[in-house]
């Protein structure tokens, strides 16, 4: 028997949690203040933080997530949302952004993903 990949383990765990909530929907209200609406995914130490943020944005959009830019202080990235469930994918601002006069532009590919959702 081959060992399951980390992706398979995460997917199975999330699928099991979804099945539990479908079976016992009253338990969902206990998740309101858990942070499941914005699970932090720091990617500053990945080989290419900008490419990783863009890949999350592309993949999220392809799987029905809303994708929004998110930046604060020294950090920037995107927030992917599927209803009350979200991922906050971020890195150091200078790793993923270019500073503009009035706003932050995450790379052109990511900007086009975000524009396509409007």
N, C-alpha and C. Protein backbone atom coordinates (compact mmCIF):
# COMPACT_ATOMS: atom_id res chain seq x y z
N UNK A 1 0.85 -1.18 0.00
CA UNK A 1 0.00 0.00 0.00
C UNK A 1 0.89 1.24 0.00
N UNK A 2 0.59 2.18 -0.89
CA UNK A 2 1.39 3.40 -0.94
C UNK A 2 0.88 4.42 0.06
N UNK A 3 1.81 5.20 0.56
CA UNK A 3 1.47 6.24 1.51
C UNK A 3 0.76 7.37 0.79
N UNK A 4 -0.24 7.95 1.42
CA UNK A 4 -0.99 9.04 0.82
C UNK A 4 -0.17 10.32 0.83
N UNK A 5 -0.36 11.10 -0.23
CA UNK A 5 0.32 12.40 -0.29
C UNK A 5 -0.31 13.34 0.73
N UNK A 6 0.40 14.40 1.03
CA UNK A 6 -0.14 15.41 1.94
C UNK A 6 -1.43 15.99 1.37
N UNK A 7 -1.45 16.23 0.05
CA UNK A 7 -2.67 16.76 -0.59
C UNK A 7 -3.84 15.80 -0.40
N UNK A 8 -3.61 14.51 -0.57
CA UNK A 8 -4.67 13.52 -0.37
C UNK A 8 -5.15 13.50 1.08
N UNK A 9 -4.21 13.61 2.02
CA UNK A 9 -4.58 13.61 3.43
C UNK A 9 -5.44 14.84 3.77
N UNK A 10 -5.02 16.02 3.27
CA UNK A 10 -5.82 17.23 3.51
C UNK A 10 -7.20 17.09 2.89
N UNK A 11 -7.27 16.64 1.62
CA UNK A 11 -8.55 16.51 0.93
C UNK A 11 -9.47 15.55 1.67
N UNK A 12 -8.95 14.42 2.10
CA UNK A 12 -9.77 13.45 2.83
C UNK A 12 -10.28 14.03 4.15
N UNK A 13 -9.41 14.75 4.84
CA UNK A 13 -9.83 15.37 6.10
C UNK A 13 -10.93 16.40 5.89
N UNK A 14 -10.77 17.25 4.86
CA UNK A 14 -11.79 18.26 4.57
C UNK A 14 -13.10 17.61 4.11
N UNK A 15 -13.00 16.56 3.29
CA UNK A 15 -14.20 15.85 2.85
C UNK A 15 -14.93 15.20 4.03
N UNK A 16 -14.17 14.64 4.96
CA UNK A 16 -14.78 14.03 6.15
C UNK A 16 -15.47 15.09 7.00
N UNK A 17 -14.82 16.26 7.17
CA UNK A 17 -15.44 17.33 7.93
C UNK A 17 -16.72 17.80 7.24
N UNK A 18 -16.69 17.94 5.91
CA UNK A 18 -17.88 18.34 5.16
C UNK A 18 -19.01 17.33 5.35
N UNK A 19 -18.69 16.05 5.31
CA UNK A 19 -19.70 15.01 5.50
C UNK A 19 -20.31 15.09 6.90
N UNK A 20 -19.47 15.35 7.89
CA UNK A 20 -19.96 15.49 9.26
C UNK A 20 -20.94 16.66 9.36
N UNK A 21 -20.59 17.79 8.74
CA UNK A 21 -21.46 18.97 8.82
C UNK A 21 -22.76 18.77 8.03
N UNK A 22 -22.69 18.03 6.95
CA UNK A 22 -23.93 17.73 6.22
C UNK A 22 -24.85 16.83 7.06
N UNK A 23 -24.25 15.91 7.78
CA UNK A 23 -25.02 14.99 8.61
C UNK A 23 -25.56 15.68 9.86
N UNK A 24 -24.78 16.59 10.41
CA UNK A 24 -25.17 17.29 11.65
C UNK A 24 -24.99 18.80 11.46
N UNK A 25 -25.86 19.43 10.66
CA UNK A 25 -25.69 20.84 10.31
C UNK A 25 -25.71 21.80 11.50
N UNK A 26 -26.32 21.42 12.58
CA UNK A 26 -26.36 22.29 13.76
C UNK A 26 -24.96 22.52 14.35
N UNK A 27 -24.02 21.64 14.04
CA UNK A 27 -22.66 21.83 14.54
C UNK A 27 -21.93 22.98 13.85
N UNK A 28 -22.39 23.36 12.66
CA UNK A 28 -21.72 24.42 11.89
C UNK A 28 -21.68 25.74 12.64
N UNK A 29 -22.72 26.04 13.41
CA UNK A 29 -22.72 27.32 14.13
C UNK A 29 -21.58 27.42 15.14
N UNK A 30 -21.03 26.31 15.56
CA UNK A 30 -19.90 26.33 16.48
C UNK A 30 -18.58 26.66 15.78
N UNK A 31 -18.61 26.71 14.45
CA UNK A 31 -17.41 27.06 13.68
C UNK A 31 -17.30 28.56 13.42
N UNK A 32 -18.30 29.32 13.82
CA UNK A 32 -18.33 30.75 13.49
C UNK A 32 -17.07 31.52 13.91
N UNK A 33 -16.48 31.20 15.01
CA UNK A 33 -15.35 31.99 15.52
C UNK A 33 -14.05 31.20 15.55
N UNK A 34 -13.92 30.25 14.65
CA UNK A 34 -12.75 29.38 14.65
C UNK A 34 -11.59 29.88 13.80
N UNK A 35 -11.84 30.79 12.89
CA UNK A 35 -10.81 31.20 11.96
C UNK A 35 -10.87 30.44 10.65
N UNK A 36 -11.86 29.58 10.48
CA UNK A 36 -12.00 28.82 9.24
C UNK A 36 -12.34 29.76 8.07
N UNK A 37 -12.76 30.98 8.40
CA UNK A 37 -13.08 31.95 7.35
C UNK A 37 -11.83 32.59 6.75
N UNK A 38 -10.69 32.36 7.34
CA UNK A 38 -9.45 32.93 6.82
C UNK A 38 -8.24 32.19 7.34
N UNK A 39 -8.10 30.94 6.97
CA UNK A 39 -6.96 30.13 7.39
C UNK A 39 -5.70 30.73 6.79
N UNK A 40 -4.72 31.04 7.61
CA UNK A 40 -3.49 31.69 7.15
C UNK A 40 -2.56 30.70 6.44
N UNK A 41 -2.13 31.10 5.24
CA UNK A 41 -1.20 30.30 4.43
C UNK A 41 -0.01 31.19 4.09
N UNK A 42 1.02 31.24 4.95
CA UNK A 42 2.19 32.07 4.64
C UNK A 42 3.07 31.39 3.59
N UNK A 43 3.42 32.12 2.54
CA UNK A 43 4.23 31.55 1.46
C UNK A 43 5.54 32.31 1.24
N UNK A 44 5.92 33.17 2.18
CA UNK A 44 7.13 33.98 2.03
C UNK A 44 8.38 33.13 1.87
N UNK A 45 8.38 31.92 2.43
CA UNK A 45 9.58 31.08 2.35
C UNK A 45 9.54 30.10 1.18
N UNK A 46 8.48 30.17 0.35
CA UNK A 46 8.42 29.29 -0.82
C UNK A 46 9.44 29.78 -1.83
N UNK A 47 9.76 28.97 -2.81
CA UNK A 47 10.76 29.34 -3.80
C UNK A 47 10.42 30.60 -4.56
N UNK A 48 9.15 30.81 -4.83
CA UNK A 48 8.70 31.98 -5.57
C UNK A 48 7.36 32.44 -5.01
N UNK A 49 7.38 33.30 -3.98
CA UNK A 49 6.15 33.71 -3.33
C UNK A 49 5.10 34.30 -4.27
N UNK A 50 5.52 35.16 -5.21
CA UNK A 50 4.55 35.78 -6.12
C UNK A 50 3.87 34.72 -6.97
N UNK A 51 4.64 33.76 -7.48
CA UNK A 51 4.07 32.68 -8.30
C UNK A 51 3.14 31.81 -7.46
N UNK A 52 3.49 31.58 -6.21
CA UNK A 52 2.65 30.76 -5.33
C UNK A 52 1.33 31.46 -5.04
N UNK A 53 1.39 32.75 -4.73
CA UNK A 53 0.15 33.51 -4.49
C UNK A 53 -0.71 33.49 -5.75
N UNK A 54 -0.10 33.71 -6.91
CA UNK A 54 -0.85 33.71 -8.17
C UNK A 54 -1.46 32.33 -8.44
N UNK A 55 -0.73 31.27 -8.15
CA UNK A 55 -1.26 29.92 -8.37
C UNK A 55 -2.46 29.65 -7.47
N UNK A 56 -2.37 30.05 -6.20
CA UNK A 56 -3.52 29.90 -5.32
C UNK A 56 -4.71 30.68 -5.87
N UNK A 57 -4.47 31.91 -6.34
CA UNK A 57 -5.56 32.74 -6.87
C UNK A 57 -6.19 32.09 -8.10
N UNK A 58 -5.37 31.63 -9.05
CA UNK A 58 -5.88 30.97 -10.25
C UNK A 58 -6.66 29.71 -9.90
N UNK A 59 -6.08 28.89 -9.03
CA UNK A 59 -6.73 27.63 -8.65
C UNK A 59 -8.02 27.88 -7.89
N UNK A 60 -8.00 28.85 -6.98
CA UNK A 60 -9.22 29.17 -6.24
C UNK A 60 -10.32 29.66 -7.16
N UNK A 61 -9.97 30.57 -8.07
CA UNK A 61 -10.97 31.09 -9.01
C UNK A 61 -11.53 29.96 -9.88
N UNK A 62 -10.67 29.03 -10.29
CA UNK A 62 -11.12 27.90 -11.11
C UNK A 62 -12.03 26.95 -10.34
N UNK A 63 -12.00 27.05 -9.00
CA UNK A 63 -12.83 26.19 -8.16
C UNK A 63 -13.87 27.01 -7.40
N UNK A 64 -14.36 28.06 -8.04
CA UNK A 64 -15.51 28.84 -7.56
C UNK A 64 -15.25 29.71 -6.34
N UNK A 65 -14.01 29.99 -6.01
CA UNK A 65 -13.74 30.91 -4.90
C UNK A 65 -13.86 32.34 -5.39
N UNK A 66 -14.25 33.23 -4.50
CA UNK A 66 -14.05 34.64 -4.80
C UNK A 66 -12.63 34.94 -4.36
N UNK A 67 -11.95 35.78 -5.11
CA UNK A 67 -10.55 36.09 -4.84
C UNK A 67 -10.42 37.60 -4.67
N UNK A 68 -9.87 38.03 -3.55
CA UNK A 68 -9.67 39.45 -3.29
C UNK A 68 -8.22 39.71 -2.90
N UNK A 69 -7.71 40.86 -3.33
CA UNK A 69 -6.39 41.30 -2.88
C UNK A 69 -6.48 41.59 -1.39
N UNK A 70 -5.38 41.41 -0.70
CA UNK A 70 -5.33 41.73 0.72
C UNK A 70 -3.93 42.21 1.04
N UNK A 71 -3.83 43.41 1.57
CA UNK A 71 -2.51 43.91 1.96
C UNK A 71 -2.62 44.81 3.17
N UNK A 72 -1.61 44.69 4.00
CA UNK A 72 -1.57 45.46 5.24
C UNK A 72 -0.13 45.53 5.71
N UNK A 73 0.34 46.74 5.94
CA UNK A 73 1.70 46.90 6.43
C UNK A 73 2.71 46.27 5.49
N UNK A 74 3.51 45.36 6.02
CA UNK A 74 4.57 44.71 5.24
C UNK A 74 4.10 43.46 4.50
N UNK A 75 2.81 43.13 4.55
CA UNK A 75 2.32 41.87 4.00
C UNK A 75 1.31 42.11 2.89
N UNK A 76 1.28 41.19 1.92
CA UNK A 76 0.31 41.28 0.83
C UNK A 76 0.01 39.89 0.30
N UNK A 77 -1.15 39.75 -0.30
CA UNK A 77 -1.53 38.48 -0.88
C UNK A 77 -2.96 38.50 -1.34
N UNK A 78 -3.62 37.36 -1.22
CA UNK A 78 -5.01 37.22 -1.63
C UNK A 78 -5.80 36.46 -0.57
N UNK A 79 -7.10 36.68 -0.60
CA UNK A 79 -8.02 35.92 0.24
C UNK A 79 -8.96 35.18 -0.71
N UNK A 80 -9.02 33.87 -0.57
CA UNK A 80 -9.92 33.03 -1.34
C UNK A 80 -11.09 32.68 -0.44
N UNK A 81 -12.32 32.82 -0.96
CA UNK A 81 -13.49 32.52 -0.14
C UNK A 81 -14.46 31.62 -0.88
N UNK A 82 -14.90 30.61 -0.16
CA UNK A 82 -15.99 29.76 -0.57
C UNK A 82 -17.03 29.89 0.53
N UNK A 83 -17.90 30.86 0.41
CA UNK A 83 -18.86 31.12 1.48
C UNK A 83 -18.13 31.46 2.77
N UNK A 84 -18.43 30.76 3.87
CA UNK A 84 -17.81 31.08 5.15
C UNK A 84 -16.41 30.48 5.34
N UNK A 85 -15.89 29.81 4.31
CA UNK A 85 -14.58 29.17 4.40
C UNK A 85 -13.60 29.97 3.55
N UNK A 86 -12.42 30.25 4.11
CA UNK A 86 -11.46 31.04 3.34
C UNK A 86 -10.02 30.71 3.63
N UNK A 87 -9.18 31.08 2.68
CA UNK A 87 -7.73 30.98 2.82
C UNK A 87 -7.12 32.35 2.62
N UNK A 88 -6.22 32.73 3.51
CA UNK A 88 -5.48 33.99 3.39
C UNK A 88 -4.05 33.62 3.01
N UNK A 89 -3.71 33.81 1.74
CA UNK A 89 -2.40 33.43 1.20
C UNK A 89 -1.56 34.70 1.09
N UNK A 90 -0.43 34.73 1.79
CA UNK A 90 0.31 35.99 1.84
C UNK A 90 1.82 35.78 1.93
N UNK A 91 2.53 36.86 1.61
CA UNK A 91 3.99 36.90 1.72
C UNK A 91 4.37 38.35 2.04
N UNK A 92 5.66 38.59 2.16
CA UNK A 92 6.12 39.96 2.38
C UNK A 92 5.74 40.79 1.16
N UNK A 93 5.29 41.99 1.39
CA UNK A 93 4.78 42.84 0.33
C UNK A 93 5.75 42.97 -0.84
N UNK A 94 7.02 43.18 -0.55
CA UNK A 94 7.98 43.38 -1.64
C UNK A 94 8.20 42.12 -2.47
N UNK A 95 7.78 40.96 -1.95
CA UNK A 95 7.92 39.71 -2.70
C UNK A 95 6.81 39.51 -3.74
N UNK A 96 5.67 40.18 -3.55
CA UNK A 96 4.53 39.93 -4.42
C UNK A 96 3.92 41.18 -5.06
N UNK A 97 4.40 42.35 -4.71
CA UNK A 97 3.75 43.58 -5.17
C UNK A 97 4.74 44.56 -5.77
N UNK A 98 4.15 45.47 -6.55
CA UNK A 98 4.87 46.67 -6.97
C UNK A 98 4.12 47.83 -6.36
N UNK A 99 4.82 48.73 -5.74
CA UNK A 99 4.14 49.87 -5.14
C UNK A 99 3.78 50.89 -6.22
N UNK A 100 2.51 51.24 -6.26
CA UNK A 100 2.04 52.28 -7.17
C UNK A 100 1.83 53.55 -6.39
N UNK A 101 1.51 54.60 -7.09
CA UNK A 101 1.31 55.89 -6.43
C UNK A 101 0.15 55.83 -5.44
N UNK A 102 -0.93 55.14 -5.80
CA UNK A 102 -2.12 55.13 -4.95
C UNK A 102 -2.54 53.75 -4.49
N UNK A 103 -1.99 52.70 -5.08
CA UNK A 103 -2.45 51.36 -4.74
C UNK A 103 -1.36 50.33 -4.98
N UNK A 104 -1.64 49.13 -4.60
CA UNK A 104 -0.71 48.02 -4.80
C UNK A 104 -1.21 47.18 -5.97
N UNK A 105 -0.34 46.90 -6.93
CA UNK A 105 -0.69 46.00 -8.03
C UNK A 105 0.05 44.69 -7.85
N UNK A 106 -0.67 43.62 -7.56
CA UNK A 106 -0.08 42.29 -7.57
C UNK A 106 0.11 41.97 -9.04
N UNK A 107 1.06 41.11 -9.39
CA UNK A 107 1.45 40.92 -10.80
C UNK A 107 0.28 40.90 -11.77
N UNK A 108 0.55 41.17 -13.05
CA UNK A 108 -0.47 41.35 -14.07
C UNK A 108 -1.39 40.14 -14.19
N UNK A 109 -0.85 38.96 -14.08
CA UNK A 109 -1.67 37.75 -14.19
C UNK A 109 -2.71 37.71 -13.08
N UNK A 110 -2.28 37.99 -11.86
CA UNK A 110 -3.21 37.99 -10.74
C UNK A 110 -4.24 39.10 -10.90
N UNK A 111 -3.81 40.27 -11.36
CA UNK A 111 -4.74 41.37 -11.56
C UNK A 111 -5.82 40.97 -12.56
N UNK A 112 -5.46 40.25 -13.61
CA UNK A 112 -6.46 39.84 -14.61
C UNK A 112 -7.43 38.83 -14.02
N UNK A 113 -6.97 37.97 -13.11
CA UNK A 113 -7.86 37.02 -12.43
C UNK A 113 -8.89 37.79 -11.63
N UNK A 114 -8.42 38.78 -10.88
CA UNK A 114 -9.31 39.56 -10.04
C UNK A 114 -10.30 40.36 -10.88
N UNK A 115 -9.85 40.92 -12.00
CA UNK A 115 -10.75 41.69 -12.88
C UNK A 115 -11.80 40.78 -13.48
N UNK A 116 -11.44 39.54 -13.80
CA UNK A 116 -12.38 38.59 -14.40
C UNK A 116 -13.53 38.22 -13.48
N UNK A 117 -13.37 38.47 -12.19
CA UNK A 117 -14.43 38.14 -11.24
C UNK A 117 -15.45 39.25 -11.12
N UNK A 118 -15.11 40.44 -11.58
CA UNK A 118 -16.01 41.58 -11.42
C UNK A 118 -17.24 41.47 -12.28
